[in-house]
PDB file of N, CA and C in Angstrom:
ATOM      1  N   MET A   1      37.789  29.253  94.018  1.00  0.00           N
ATOM      2  CA  MET A   1      38.235  28.981  95.373  1.00  0.00           C
ATOM      3  C   MET A   1      39.664  28.433  95.311  1.00  0.00           C
ATOM      4  N   LEU A   2      40.538  29.020  96.074  1.00  0.00           N
ATOM      5  CA  LEU A   2      41.936  28.640  96.136  1.00  0.00           C
ATOM      6  C   LEU A   2      42.079  27.271  96.783  1.00  0.00           C
ATOM      7  N   ASP A   3      42.759  26.348  96.085  1.00  0.00           N
ATOM      8  CA  ASP A   3      42.941  25.011  96.636  1.00  0.00           C
ATOM      9  C   ASP A   3      44.373  24.751  97.073  1.00  0.00           C
ATOM     10  N   LYS A   4      45.294  25.642  96.670  1.00  0.00           N
ATOM     11  CA  LYS A   4      46.697  25.500  97.051  1.00  0.00           C
ATOM     12  C   LYS A   4      47.367  26.857  96.905  1.00  0.00           C
ATOM     13  N   ILE A   5      48.221  27.193  97.845  1.00  0.00           N
ATOM     14  CA  ILE A   5      48.986  28.430  97.755  1.00  0.00           C
ATOM     15  C   ILE A   5      50.211  28.123  96.909  1.00  0.00           C
ATOM     16  N   ARG A   6      50.403  28.894  95.839  1.00  0.00           N
ATOM     17  CA  ARG A   6      51.464  28.597  94.886  1.00  0.00           C
ATOM     18  C   ARG A   6      52.660  29.546  94.959  1.00  0.00           C
ATOM     19  N   ASN A   7      52.487  30.700  95.624  1.00  0.00           N
ATOM     20  CA  ASN A   7      53.600  31.646  95.679  1.00  0.00           C
ATOM     21  C   ASN A   7      53.464  32.557  96.908  1.00  0.00           C
ATOM     22  N   GLU A   8      54.482  33.373  97.093  1.00  0.00           N
ATOM     23  CA  GLU A   8      54.527  34.273  98.258  1.00  0.00           C
ATOM     24  C   GLU A   8      53.365  35.271  98.253  1.00  0.00           C
ATOM     25  N   LYS A   9      52.997  35.754  97.081  1.00  0.00           N
ATOM     26  CA  LYS A   9      51.913  36.727  96.991  1.00  0.00           C
ATOM     27  C   LYS A   9      50.599  36.114  97.475  1.00  0.00           C
ATOM     28  N   GLN A  10      50.292  34.903  97.020  1.00  0.00           N
ATOM     29  CA  GLN A  10      49.072  34.224  97.467  1.00  0.00           C
ATOM     30  C   GLN A  10      49.135  33.954  98.970  1.00  0.00           C
ATOM     31  N   TYR A  11      50.319  33.568  99.449  1.00  0.00           N
ATOM     32  CA  TYR A  11      50.489  33.310 100.883  1.00  0.00           C
ATOM     33  C   TYR A  11      50.189  34.576 101.682  1.00  0.00           C
ATOM     34  N   ALA A  12      50.730  35.715 101.236  1.00  0.00           N
ATOM     35  CA  ALA A  12      50.497  36.982 101.935  1.00  0.00           C
ATOM     36  C   ALA A  12      49.007  37.333 101.933  1.00  0.00           C
ATOM     37  N   GLN A  13      48.323  37.084 100.814  1.00  0.00           N
ATOM     38  CA  GLN A  13      46.891  37.371 100.735  1.00  0.00           C
ATOM     39  C   GLN A  13      46.100  36.489 101.707  1.00  0.00           C
ATOM     40  N   VAL A  14      46.463  35.217 101.779  1.00  0.00           N
ATOM     41  CA  VAL A  14      45.788  34.293 102.695  1.00  0.00           C
ATOM     42  C   VAL A  14      46.027  34.717 104.137  1.00  0.00           C
ATOM     43  N   MET A  15      47.237  35.146 104.440  1.00  0.00           N
ATOM     44  CA  MET A  15      47.536  35.569 105.806  1.00  0.00           C
ATOM     45  C   MET A  15      46.729  36.810 106.191  1.00  0.00           C
ATOM     46  N   VAL A  16      46.495  37.711 105.251  1.00  0.00           N
ATOM     47  CA  VAL A  16      45.661  38.888 105.518  1.00  0.00           C
ATOM     48  C   VAL A  16      44.232  38.443 105.837  1.00  0.00           C
ATOM     49  N   LEU A  17      43.711  37.500 105.053  1.00  0.00           N
ATOM     50  CA  LEU A  17      42.357  36.996 105.307  1.00  0.00           C
ATOM     51  C   LEU A  17      42.258  36.338 106.683  1.00  0.00           C
ATOM     52  N   ILE A  18      43.267  35.550 107.030  1.00  0.00           N
ATOM     53  CA  ILE A  18      43.288  34.893 108.345  1.00  0.00           C
ATOM     54  C   ILE A  18      43.303  35.944 109.445  1.00  0.00           C
ATOM     55  N   GLU A  19      44.164  36.951 109.296  1.00  0.00           N
ATOM     56  CA  GLU A  19      44.241  38.028 110.294  1.00  0.00           C
ATOM     57  C   GLU A  19      42.906  38.750 110.437  1.00  0.00           C
ATOM     58  N   ASN A  20      42.210  38.944 109.322  1.00  0.00           N
ATOM     59  CA  ASN A  20      40.898  39.607 109.372  1.00  0.00           C
ATOM     60  C   ASN A  20      39.897  38.786 110.194  1.00  0.00           C
ATOM     61  N   PHE A  21      39.897  37.471 109.991  1.00  0.00           N
ATOM     62  CA  PHE A  21      38.999  36.616 110.771  1.00  0.00           C
ATOM     63  C   PHE A  21      39.377  36.657 112.256  1.00  0.00           C
ATOM     64  N   ILE A  22      40.661  36.619 112.533  1.00  0.00           N
ATOM     65  CA  ILE A  22      41.113  36.660 113.923  1.00  0.00           C
ATOM     66  C   ILE A  22      40.724  37.987 114.568  1.00  0.00           C
ATOM     67  N   GLN A  23      40.914  39.082 113.832  1.00  0.00           N
ATOM     68  CA  GLN A  23      40.541  40.398 114.357  1.00  0.00           C
ATOM     69  C   GLN A  23      39.043  40.473 114.614  1.00  0.00           C
ATOM     70  N   LYS A  24      38.250  39.937 113.690  1.00  0.00           N
ATOM     71  CA  LYS A  24      36.795  39.951 113.870  1.00  0.00           C
ATOM     72  C   LYS A  24      36.412  39.158 115.122  1.00  0.00           C
ATOM     73  N   ALA A  25      37.044  38.015 115.306  1.00  0.00           N
ATOM     74  CA  ALA A  25      36.752  37.191 116.481  1.00  0.00           C
ATOM     75  C   ALA A  25      37.166  37.913 117.755  1.00  0.00           C
ATOM     76  N   THR A  26      38.321  38.559 117.719  1.00  0.00           N
ATOM     77  CA  THR A  26      38.820  39.282 118.891  1.00  0.00           C
ATOM     78  C   THR A  26      37.892  40.453 119.236  1.00  0.00           C
ATOM     79  N   ASP A  27      37.484  41.187 118.220  1.00  0.00           N
ATOM     80  CA  ASP A  27      36.591  42.333 118.444  1.00  0.00           C
ATOM     81  C   ASP A  27      35.205  41.892 118.907  1.00  0.00           C
ATOM     82  N   GLY A  28      34.771  40.714 118.439  1.00  0.00           N
ATOM     83  CA  GLY A  28      33.417  40.256 118.731  1.00  0.00           C
ATOM     84  C   GLY A  28      33.278  39.439 119.991  1.00  0.00           C
ATOM     85  N   GLY A  29      34.368  39.134 120.660  1.00  0.00           N
ATOM     86  CA  GLY A  29      34.275  38.394 121.911  1.00  0.00           C
ATOM     87  C   GLY A  29      34.671  36.935 121.813  1.00  0.00           C
ATOM     88  N   GLY A  30      35.274  36.520 120.719  1.00  0.00           N
ATOM     89  CA  GLY A  30      35.763  35.148 120.624  1.00  0.00           C
ATOM     90  C   GLY A  30      35.406  34.502 119.297  1.00  0.00           C
ATOM     91  N   PHE A  31      36.000  33.352 119.045  1.00  0.00           N
ATOM     92  CA  PHE A  31      35.791  32.655 117.782  1.00  0.00           C
ATOM     93  C   PHE A  31      34.365  32.132 117.642  1.00  0.00           C
ATOM     94  N   SER A  32      33.667  31.976 118.745  1.00  0.00           N
ATOM     95  CA  SER A  32      32.283  31.507 118.664  1.00  0.00           C
ATOM     96  C   SER A  32      31.374  32.559 118.021  1.00  0.00           C
ATOM     97  N   THR A  33      31.872  33.791 117.902  1.00  0.00           N
ATOM     98  CA  THR A  33      31.069  34.836 117.265  1.00  0.00           C
ATOM     99  C   THR A  33      31.132  34.767 115.741  1.00  0.00           C
ATOM    100  N   LEU A  34      32.075  33.983 115.203  1.00  0.00           N
ATOM    101  CA  LEU A  34      32.137  33.807 113.752  1.00  0.00           C
ATOM    102  C   LEU A  34      30.988  32.911 113.312  1.00  0.00           C
ATOM    103  N   SER A  35      30.461  33.194 112.139  1.00  0.00           N
ATOM    104  CA  SER A  35      29.408  32.331 111.597  1.00  0.00           C
ATOM    105  C   SER A  35      30.036  30.986 111.233  1.00  0.00           C
ATOM    106  N   GLU A  36      29.209  29.999 111.016  1.00  0.00           N
ATOM    107  CA  GLU A  36      29.721  28.676 110.643  1.00  0.00           C
ATOM    108  C   GLU A  36      30.517  28.754 109.340  1.00  0.00           C
ATOM    109  N   THR A  37      30.031  29.532 108.397  1.00  0.00           N
ATOM    110  CA  THR A  37      30.728  29.704 107.115  1.00  0.00           C
ATOM    111  C   THR A  37      32.092  30.354 107.335  1.00  0.00           C
ATOM    112  N   GLU A  38      32.130  31.392 108.171  1.00  0.00           N
ATOM    113  CA  GLU A  38      33.402  32.066 108.463  1.00  0.00           C
ATOM    114  C   GLU A  38      34.374  31.140 109.177  1.00  0.00           C
ATOM    115  N   ALA A  39      33.885  30.386 110.140  1.00  0.00           N
ATOM    116  CA  ALA A  39      34.739  29.455 110.875  1.00  0.00           C
ATOM    117  C   ALA A  39      35.307  28.396 109.938  1.00  0.00           C
ATOM    118  N   ASN A  40      34.488  27.886 109.031  1.00  0.00           N
ATOM    119  CA  ASN A  40      34.953  26.886 108.071  1.00  0.00           C
ATOM    120  C   ASN A  40      35.998  27.478 107.123  1.00  0.00           C
ATOM    121  N   GLU A  41      35.767  28.718 106.697  1.00  0.00           N
ATOM    122  CA  GLU A  41      36.722  29.381 105.801  1.00  0.00           C
ATOM    123  C   GLU A  41      38.045  29.640 106.528  1.00  0.00           C
ATOM    124  N   LEU A  42      37.971  30.060 107.755  1.00  0.00           N
ATOM    125  CA  LEU A  42      39.186  30.270 108.544  1.00  0.00           C
ATOM    126  C   LEU A  42      39.964  28.971 108.675  1.00  0.00           C
ATOM    127  N   GLN A  43      39.273  27.899 108.955  1.00  0.00           N
ATOM    128  CA  GLN A  43      39.929  26.595 109.092  1.00  0.00           C
ATOM    129  C   GLN A  43      40.578  26.180 107.769  1.00  0.00           C
ATOM    130  N   ARG A  44      39.877  26.385 106.651  1.00  0.00           N
ATOM    131  CA  ARG A  44      40.411  26.027 105.335  1.00  0.00           C
ATOM    132  C   ARG A  44      41.657  26.852 105.009  1.00  0.00           C
ATOM    133  N   LEU A  45      41.586  28.162 105.243  1.00  0.00           N
ATOM    134  CA  LEU A  45      42.721  29.034 104.967  1.00  0.00           C
ATOM    135  C   LEU A  45      43.921  28.688 105.842  1.00  0.00           C
ATOM    136  N   THR A  46      43.637  28.345 107.079  1.00  0.00           N
ATOM    137  CA  THR A  46      44.719  27.971 107.993  1.00  0.00           C
ATOM    138  C   THR A  46      45.425  26.707 107.501  1.00  0.00           C
ATOM    139  N   ARG A  47      44.661  25.728 107.036  1.00  0.00           N
ATOM    140  CA  ARG A  47      45.259  24.497 106.494  1.00  0.00           C
ATOM    141  C   ARG A  47      46.106  24.800 105.255  1.00  0.00           C
ATOM    142  N   LEU A  48      45.606  25.684 104.376  1.00  0.00           N
ATOM    143  CA  LEU A  48      46.373  26.070 103.191  1.00  0.00           C
ATOM    144  C   LEU A  48      47.690  26.738 103.584  1.00  0.00           C
ATOM    145  N   ALA A  49      47.622  27.668 104.542  1.00  0.00           N
ATOM    146  CA  ALA A  49      48.824  28.375 104.990  1.00  0.00           C
ATOM    147  C   ALA A  49      49.821  27.411 105.628  1.00  0.00           C
ATOM    148  N   GLU A  50      49.335  26.498 106.445  1.00  0.00           N
ATOM    149  CA  GLU A  50      50.227  25.528 107.086  1.00  0.00           C
ATOM    150  C   GLU A  50      50.908  24.647 106.053  1.00  0.00           C
ATOM    151  N   ALA A  51      50.166  24.197 105.045  1.00  0.00           N
ATOM    152  CA  ALA A  51      50.753  23.356 104.000  1.00  0.00           C
ATOM    153  C   ALA A  51      51.829  24.128 103.240  1.00  0.00           C
ATOM    154  N   TYR A  52      51.553  25.391 102.937  1.00  0.00           N
ATOM    155  CA  TYR A  52      52.533  26.211 102.229  1.00  0.00           C
ATOM    156  C   TYR A  52      53.789  26.398 103.091  1.00  0.00           C
ATOM    157  N   GLU A  53      53.601  26.707 104.357  1.00  0.00           N
ATOM    158  CA  GLU A  53      54.743  26.910 105.255  1.00  0.00           C
ATOM    159  C   GLU A  53      55.569  25.647 105.375  1.00  0.00           C
ATOM    160  N   ASP A  54      54.907  24.511 105.538  1.00  0.00           N
ATOM    161  CA  ASP A  54      55.627  23.247 105.683  1.00  0.00           C
ATOM    162  C   ASP A  54      56.461  22.918 104.449  1.00  0.00           C
ATOM    163  N   ASN A  55      55.953  23.263 103.277  1.00  0.00           N
ATOM    164  CA  ASN A  55      56.631  22.901 102.033  1.00  0.00           C
ATOM    165  C   ASN A  55      57.562  23.962 101.476  1.00  0.00           C
ATOM    166  N   ASN A  56      57.390  25.216 101.870  1.00  0.00           N
ATOM    167  CA  ASN A  56      58.130  26.284 101.214  1.00  0.00           C
ATOM    168  C   ASN A  56      58.965  27.180 102.118  1.00  0.00           C
ATOM    169  N   LEU A  57      58.606  27.280 103.354  1.00  0.00           N
ATOM    170  CA  LEU A  57      59.358  28.164 104.241  1.00  0.00           C
ATOM    171  C   LEU A  57      60.357  27.358 105.034  1.00  0.00           C
ATOM    172  N   LYS A  58      61.592  27.697 104.860  1.00  0.00           N
ATOM    173  CA  LYS A  58      62.669  27.005 105.573  1.00  0.00           C
ATOM    174  C   LYS A  58      62.982  27.803 106.831  1.00  0.00           C
ATOM    175  N   ILE A  59      62.316  27.439 107.899  1.00  0.00           N
ATOM    176  CA  ILE A  59      62.486  28.146 109.165  1.00  0.00           C
ATOM    177  C   ILE A  59      63.517  27.398 109.996  1.00  0.00           C
ATOM    178  N   MET A  60      64.531  28.121 110.370  1.00  0.00           N
ATOM    179  CA  MET A  60      65.570  27.540 111.208  1.00  0.00           C
ATOM    180  C   MET A  60      65.081  27.509 112.647  1.00  0.00           C
ATOM    181  N   PRO A  61      65.173  26.356 113.299  1.00  0.00           N
ATOM    182  CA  PRO A  61      64.745  26.322 114.698  1.00  0.00           C
ATOM    183  C   PRO A  61      65.655  27.195 115.559  1.00  0.00           C
ATOM    184  N   LEU A  62      65.058  27.862 116.501  1.00  0.00           N
ATOM    185  CA  LEU A  62      65.834  28.687 117.418  1.00  0.00           C
ATOM    186  C   LEU A  62      66.572  27.793 118.398  1.00  0.00           C
ATOM    187  N   PRO A  63      67.789  28.171 118.732  1.00  0.00           N
ATOM    188  CA  PRO A  63      68.489  27.384 119.739  1.00  0.00           C
ATOM    189  C   PRO A  63      67.776  27.543 121.081  1.00  0.00           C
ATOM    190  N   VAL A  64      67.562  26.429 121.739  1.00  0.00           N
ATOM    191  CA  VAL A  64      66.894  26.483 123.031  1.00  0.00           C
ATOM    192  C   VAL A  64      67.942  26.149 124.091  1.00  0.00           C
ATOM    193  N   ASN A  65      68.369  27.192 124.756  1.00  0.00           N
ATOM    194  CA  ASN A  65      69.321  27.022 125.846  1.00  0.00           C
ATOM    195  C   ASN A  65      68.919  27.990 126.959  1.00  0.00           C
ATOM    196  N   ILE A  66      69.602  27.889 128.069  1.00  0.00           N
ATOM    197  CA  ILE A  66      69.248  28.708 129.231  1.00  0.00           C
ATOM    198  C   ILE A  66      69.365  30.192 128.902  1.00  0.00           C
ATOM    199  N   SER A  67      70.428  30.595 128.220  1.00  0.00           N
ATOM    200  CA  SER A  67      70.614  32.011 127.891  1.00  0.00           C
ATOM    201  C   SER A  67      69.472  32.533 127.035  1.00  0.00           C
ATOM    202  N   ALA A  68      69.070  31.768 126.023  1.00  0.00           N
ATOM    203  CA  ALA A  68      67.981  32.206 125.137  1.00  0.00           C
ATOM    204  C   ALA A  68      66.675  32.336 125.903  1.00  0.00           C
ATOM    205  N   VAL A  69      66.402  31.398 126.795  1.00  0.00           N
ATOM    206  CA  VAL A  69      65.168  31.438 127.581  1.00  0.00           C
ATOM    207  C   VAL A  69      65.183  32.633 128.531  1.00  0.00           C
ATOM    208  N   VAL A  70      66.302  32.893 129.166  1.00  0.00           N
ATOM    209  CA  VAL A  70      66.404  34.027 130.091  1.00  0.00           C
ATOM    210  C   VAL A  70      66.279  35.343 129.319  1.00  0.00           C
ATOM    211  N   GLU A  71      66.938  35.449 128.169  1.00  0.00           N
ATOM    212  CA  GLU A  71      66.825  36.671 127.359  1.00  0.00           C
ATOM    213  C   GLU A  71      65.364  36.899 126.943  1.00  0.00           C
ATOM    214  N   ASN A  72      64.681  35.830 126.600  1.00  0.00           N
ATOM    215  CA  ASN A  72      63.265  35.939 126.230  1.00  0.00           C
ATOM    216  C   ASN A  72      62.435  36.416 127.431  1.00  0.00           C
ATOM    217  N   LYS A  73      62.738  35.899 128.611  1.00  0.00           N
ATOM    218  CA  LYS A  73      62.019  36.325 129.827  1.00  0.00           C
ATOM    219  C   LYS A  73      62.253  37.809 130.098  1.00  0.00           C
ATOM    220  N   ILE A  74      63.483  38.277 129.880  1.00  0.00           N
ATOM    221  CA  ILE A  74      63.806  39.691 130.083  1.00  0.00           C
ATOM    222  C   ILE A  74      62.927  40.552 129.178  1.00  0.00           C
ATOM    223  N   LYS A  75      62.838  40.165 127.902  1.00  0.00           N
ATOM    224  CA  LYS A  75      62.001  40.919 126.955  1.00  0.00           C
ATOM    225  C   LYS A  75      60.532  40.825 127.343  1.00  0.00           C
ATOM    226  N   GLU A  76      60.093  39.622 127.689  1.00  0.00           N
ATOM    227  CA  GLU A  76      58.694  39.385 128.055  1.00  0.00           C
ATOM    228  C   GLU A  76      58.281  40.238 129.253  1.00  0.00           C
ATOM    229  N   MET A  77      59.178  40.343 130.228  1.00  0.00           N
ATOM    230  CA  MET A  77      58.884  41.079 131.448  1.00  0.00           C
ATOM    231  C   MET A  77      59.110  42.594 131.289  1.00  0.00           C
ATOM    232  N   GLY A  78      59.799  42.978 130.204  1.00  0.00           N
ATOM    233  CA  GLY A  78      60.063  44.389 129.971  1.00  0.00           C
ATOM    234  C   GLY A  78      61.014  44.993 130.989  1.00  0.00           C
ATOM    235  N   ILE A  79      62.006  44.213 131.384  1.00  0.00           N
ATOM    236  CA  ILE A  79      62.977  44.694 132.373  1.00  0.00           C
ATOM    237  C   ILE A  79      64.376  44.664 131.776  1.00  0.00           C
ATOM    238  N   THR A  80      65.295  45.259 132.495  1.00  0.00           N
ATOM    239  CA  THR A  80      66.691  45.246 132.056  1.00  0.00           C
ATOM    240  C   THR A  80      67.401  44.038 132.658  1.00  0.00           C
ATOM    241  N   GLN A  81      68.573  43.757 132.109  1.00  0.00           N
ATOM    242  CA  GLN A  81      69.380  42.671 132.655  1.00  0.00           C
ATOM    243  C   GLN A  81      69.775  42.982 134.097  1.00  0.00           C
ATOM    244  N   ALA A  82      70.026  44.252 134.384  1.00  0.00           N
ATOM    245  CA  ALA A  82      70.386  44.655 135.757  1.00  0.00           C
ATOM    246  C   ALA A  82      69.218  44.409 136.712  1.00  0.00           C
ATOM    247  N   ALA A  83      68.005  44.712 136.274  1.00  0.00           N
ATOM    248  CA  ALA A  83      66.833  44.475 137.120  1.00  0.00           C
ATOM    249  C   ALA A  83      66.641  42.983 137.358  1.00  0.00           C
ATOM    250  N   LEU A  84      66.894  42.176 136.327  1.00  0.00           N
ATOM    251  CA  LEU A  84      66.777  40.733 136.504  1.00  0.00           C
ATOM    252  C   LEU A  84      67.831  40.231 137.487  1.00  0.00           C
ATOM    253  N   ALA A  85      69.048  40.741 137.360  1.00  0.00           N
ATOM    254  CA  ALA A  85      70.112  40.328 138.277  1.00  0.00           C
ATOM    255  C   ALA A  85      69.715  40.618 139.719  1.00  0.00           C
ATOM    256  N   GLU A  86      69.149  41.798 139.947  1.00  0.00           N
ATOM    257  CA  GLU A  86      68.697  42.156 141.292  1.00  0.00           C
ATOM    258  C   GLU A  86      67.582  41.218 141.754  1.00  0.00           C
ATOM    259  N   MET A  87      66.636  40.925 140.869  1.00  0.00           N
ATOM    260  CA  MET A  87      65.532  40.036 141.195  1.00  0.00           C
ATOM    261  C   MET A  87      66.030  38.638 141.568  1.00  0.00           C
ATOM    262  N   LEU A  88      67.096  38.199 140.883  1.00  0.00           N
ATOM    263  CA  LEU A  88      67.638  36.865 141.136  1.00  0.00           C
ATOM    264  C   LEU A  88      68.651  36.843 142.277  1.00  0.00           C
ATOM    265  N   GLY A  89      68.993  38.027 142.780  1.00  0.00           N
ATOM    266  CA  GLY A  89      69.970  38.103 143.859  1.00  0.00           C
ATOM    267  C   GLY A  89      71.393  37.866 143.381  1.00  0.00           C
ATOM    268  N   LEU A  90      71.674  38.316 142.152  1.00  0.00           N
ATOM    269  CA  LEU A  90      72.998  38.139 141.559  1.00  0.00           C
ATOM    270  C   LEU A  90      73.611  39.485 141.231  1.00  0.00           C
ATOM    271  N   GLY A  91      74.914  39.474 141.035  1.00  0.00           N
ATOM    272  CA  GLY A  91      75.572  40.658 140.515  1.00  0.00           C
ATOM    273  C   GLY A  91      75.322  40.741 139.018  1.00  0.00           C
ATOM    274  N   THR A  92      75.292  41.965 138.492  1.00  0.00           N
ATOM    275  CA  THR A  92      75.029  42.121 137.059  1.00  0.00           C
ATOM    276  C   THR A  92      76.129  41.494 136.205  1.00  0.00           C
ATOM    277  N   SER A  93      77.369  41.561 136.668  1.00  0.00           N
ATOM    278  CA  SER A  93      78.462  40.988 135.871  1.00  0.00           C
ATOM    279  C   SER A  93      78.351  39.462 135.823  1.00  0.00           C
ATOM    280  N   LYS A  94      77.949  38.841 136.935  1.00  0.00           N
ATOM    281  CA  LYS A  94      77.787  37.388 136.948  1.00  0.00           C
ATOM    282  C   LYS A  94      76.694  36.974 135.971  1.00  0.00           C
ATOM    283  N   LEU A  95      75.556  37.673 136.005  1.00  0.00           N
ATOM    284  CA  LEU A  95      74.469  37.343 135.093  1.00  0.00           C
ATOM    285  C   LEU A  95      74.922  37.521 133.648  1.00  0.00           C
ATOM    286  N   SER A  96      75.595  38.623 133.368  1.00  0.00           N
ATOM    287  CA  SER A  96      76.074  38.887 132.017  1.00  0.00           C
ATOM    288  C   SER A  96      77.035  37.797 131.547  1.00  0.00           C
ATOM    289  N   GLN A  97      77.945  37.395 132.402  1.00  0.00           N
ATOM    290  CA  GLN A  97      78.904  36.353 132.043  1.00  0.00           C
ATOM    291  C   GLN A  97      78.205  35.021 131.756  1.00  0.00           C
ATOM    292  N   ILE A  98      77.216  34.686 132.546  1.00  0.00           N
ATOM    293  CA  ILE A  98      76.476  33.438 132.328  1.00  0.00           C
ATOM    294  C   ILE A  98      75.720  33.500 131.001  1.00  0.00           C
ATOM    295  N   LEU A  99      75.033  34.606 130.773  1.00  0.00           N
ATOM    296  CA  LEU A  99      74.237  34.729 129.551  1.00  0.00           C
ATOM    297  C   LEU A  99      75.098  34.778 128.298  1.00  0.00           C
ATOM    298  N   ASN A 100      76.326  35.255 128.423  1.00  0.00           N
ATOM    299  CA  ASN A 100      77.236  35.323 127.278  1.00  0.00           C
ATOM    300  C   ASN A 100      78.112  34.081 127.137  1.00  0.00           C
ATOM    301  N   GLY A 101      77.882  33.081 127.981  1.00  0.00           N
ATOM    302  CA  GLY A 101      78.620  31.831 127.872  1.00  0.00           C
ATOM    303  C   GLY A 101      80.040  31.882 128.385  1.00  0.00           C
ATOM    304  N   LYS A 102      80.388  32.918 129.137  1.00  0.00           N
ATOM    305  CA  LYS A 102      81.740  33.055 129.676  1.00  0.00           C
ATOM    306  C   LYS A 102      81.865  32.428 131.059  1.00  0.00           C
ATOM    307  N   ARG A 103      80.733  32.033 131.608  1.00  0.00           N
ATOM    308  CA  ARG A 103      80.706  31.440 132.941  1.00  0.00           C
ATOM    309  C   ARG A 103      79.594  30.401 132.974  1.00  0.00           C
ATOM    310  N   GLU A 104      79.860  29.287 133.601  1.00  0.00           N
ATOM    311  CA  GLU A 104      78.854  28.227 133.725  1.00  0.00           C
ATOM    312  C   GLU A 104      77.838  28.614 134.792  1.00  0.00           C
ATOM    313  N   PRO A 105      76.564  28.315 134.559  1.00  0.00           N
ATOM    314  CA  PRO A 105      75.561  28.601 135.596  1.00  0.00           C
ATOM    315  C   PRO A 105      75.776  27.694 136.805  1.00  0.00           C
ATOM    316  N   ASP A 106      75.692  28.270 137.986  1.00  0.00           N
ATOM    317  CA  ASP A 106      75.849  27.469 139.198  1.00  0.00           C
ATOM    318  C   ASP A 106      74.468  27.092 139.744  1.00  0.00           C
ATOM    319  N   VAL A 107      74.453  26.280 140.779  1.00  0.00           N
ATOM    320  CA  VAL A 107      73.198  25.793 141.353  1.00  0.00           C
ATOM    321  C   VAL A 107      72.345  26.944 141.866  1.00  0.00           C
ATOM    322  N   ALA A 108      72.951  27.929 142.506  1.00  0.00           N
ATOM    323  CA  ALA A 108      72.190  29.073 143.029  1.00  0.00           C
ATOM    324  C   ALA A 108      71.482  29.815 141.894  1.00  0.00           C
ATOM    325  N   PHE A 109      72.164  29.992 140.768  1.00  0.00           N
ATOM    326  CA  PHE A 109      71.579  30.661 139.613  1.00  0.00           C
ATOM    327  C   PHE A 109      70.402  29.853 139.075  1.00  0.00           C
ATOM    328  N   LEU A 110      70.589  28.559 138.920  1.00  0.00           N
ATOM    329  CA  LEU A 110      69.528  27.692 138.394  1.00  0.00           C
ATOM    330  C   LEU A 110      68.322  27.676 139.325  1.00  0.00           C
ATOM    331  N   LYS A 111      68.566  27.624 140.640  1.00  0.00           N
ATOM    332  CA  LYS A 111      67.465  27.647 141.604  1.00  0.00           C
ATOM    333  C   LYS A 111      66.702  28.968 141.529  1.00  0.00           C
ATOM    334  N   ALA A 112      67.431  30.069 141.361  1.00  0.00           N
ATOM    335  CA  ALA A 112      66.787  31.378 141.260  1.00  0.00           C
ATOM    336  C   ALA A 112      65.932  31.466 139.992  1.00  0.00           C
ATOM    337  N   LEU A 113      66.428  30.925 138.885  1.00  0.00           N
ATOM    338  CA  LEU A 113      65.639  30.925 137.645  1.00  0.00           C
ATOM    339  C   LEU A 113      64.348  30.145 137.836  1.00  0.00           C
ATOM    340  N   HIS A 114      64.465  29.026 138.522  1.00  0.00           N
ATOM    341  CA  HIS A 114      63.284  28.189 138.742  1.00  0.00           C
ATOM    342  C   HIS A 114      62.277  28.880 139.672  1.00  0.00           C
ATOM    343  N   SER A 115      62.756  29.387 140.793  1.00  0.00           N
ATOM    344  CA  SER A 115      61.826  29.952 141.780  1.00  0.00           C
ATOM    345  C   SER A 115      61.320  31.348 141.403  1.00  0.00           C
ATOM    346  N   LYS A 116      62.155  32.189 140.817  1.00  0.00           N
ATOM    347  CA  LYS A 116      61.760  33.573 140.523  1.00  0.00           C
ATOM    348  C   LYS A 116      61.110  33.746 139.152  1.00  0.00           C
ATOM    349  N   LEU A 117      61.540  32.914 138.160  1.00  0.00           N
ATOM    350  CA  LEU A 117      61.013  33.076 136.811  1.00  0.00           C
ATOM    351  C   LEU A 117      60.099  31.929 136.381  1.00  0.00           C
ATOM    352  N   GLY A 118      60.032  30.894 137.208  1.00  0.00           N
ATOM    353  CA  GLY A 118      59.153  29.773 136.882  1.00  0.00           C
ATOM    354  C   GLY A 118      59.645  28.907 135.743  1.00  0.00           C
ATOM    355  N   ILE A 119      60.941  28.914 135.495  1.00  0.00           N
ATOM    356  CA  ILE A 119      61.498  28.074 134.435  1.00  0.00           C
ATOM    357  C   ILE A 119      61.586  26.647 134.960  1.00  0.00           C
ATOM    358  N   SER A 120      61.159  25.716 134.143  1.00  0.00           N
ATOM    359  CA  SER A 120      61.104  24.317 134.528  1.00  0.00           C
ATOM    360  C   SER A 120      62.445  23.805 135.050  1.00  0.00           C
ATOM    361  N   GLY A 121      62.397  23.164 136.198  1.00  0.00           N
ATOM    362  CA  GLY A 121      63.597  22.557 136.766  1.00  0.00           C
ATOM    363  C   GLY A 121      64.161  21.476 135.861  1.00  0.00           C
ATOM    364  N   ASP A 122      63.295  20.695 135.226  1.00  0.00           N
ATOM    365  CA  ASP A 122      63.752  19.653 134.291  1.00  0.00           C
ATOM    366  C   ASP A 122      64.533  20.269 133.140  1.00  0.00           C
ATOM    367  N   PHE A 123      64.001  21.369 132.574  1.00  0.00           N
ATOM    368  CA  PHE A 123      64.696  22.054 131.485  1.00  0.00           C
ATOM    369  C   PHE A 123      66.061  22.542 131.952  1.00  0.00           C
ATOM    370  N   LEU A 124      66.096  23.169 133.138  1.00  0.00           N
ATOM    371  CA  LEU A 124      67.347  23.726 133.640  1.00  0.00           C
ATOM    372  C   LEU A 124      68.396  22.647 133.863  1.00  0.00           C
ATOM    373  N   ILE A 125      67.984  21.506 134.409  1.00  0.00           N
ATOM    374  CA  ILE A 125      68.917  20.409 134.648  1.00  0.00           C
ATOM    375  C   ILE A 125      69.424  19.848 133.317  1.00  0.00           C
ATOM    376  N   GLU A 126      68.506  19.708 132.368  1.00  0.00           N
ATOM    377  CA  GLU A 126      68.873  19.157 131.058  1.00  0.00           C
ATOM    378  C   GLU A 126      69.845  20.057 130.310  1.00  0.00           C
ATOM    379  N   LYS A 127      69.651  21.372 130.408  1.00  0.00           N
ATOM    380  CA  LYS A 127      70.452  22.307 129.618  1.00  0.00           C
ATOM    381  C   LYS A 127      71.692  22.824 130.338  1.00  0.00           C
ATOM    382  N   ALA A 128      71.787  22.602 131.638  1.00  0.00           N
ATOM    383  CA  ALA A 128      72.945  23.112 132.391  1.00  0.00           C
ATOM    384  C   ALA A 128      74.194  22.331 132.096  1.00  0.00           C
TER     385      ALA A 128
END
């Protein structure tokens, strides 16, 4: 029984096992469909993977700013920047300039992000 992940190969193998348990749960109607033994093994493997990631993977945090959040929303919604501009009641060039840092977001833009995309007003005020 593996007690510690020591290299990338072992990590990849553990991740495959975790994915298999997740797929089984998804196909079966939820994690409650896993047996107690399977649930315990999934929990153990998850702890091993987390420990390996914490100690070995140097993940750079993503910058969290208004442009990054809006770009993520565009991808999430599967729309174009032009469609978002129309949805927000803005010109496409204004939206592009704001997202590229060439123009500061104004109050109307921030209000539209909050009301149309559901982005937290606190976040918008903090990052504007």
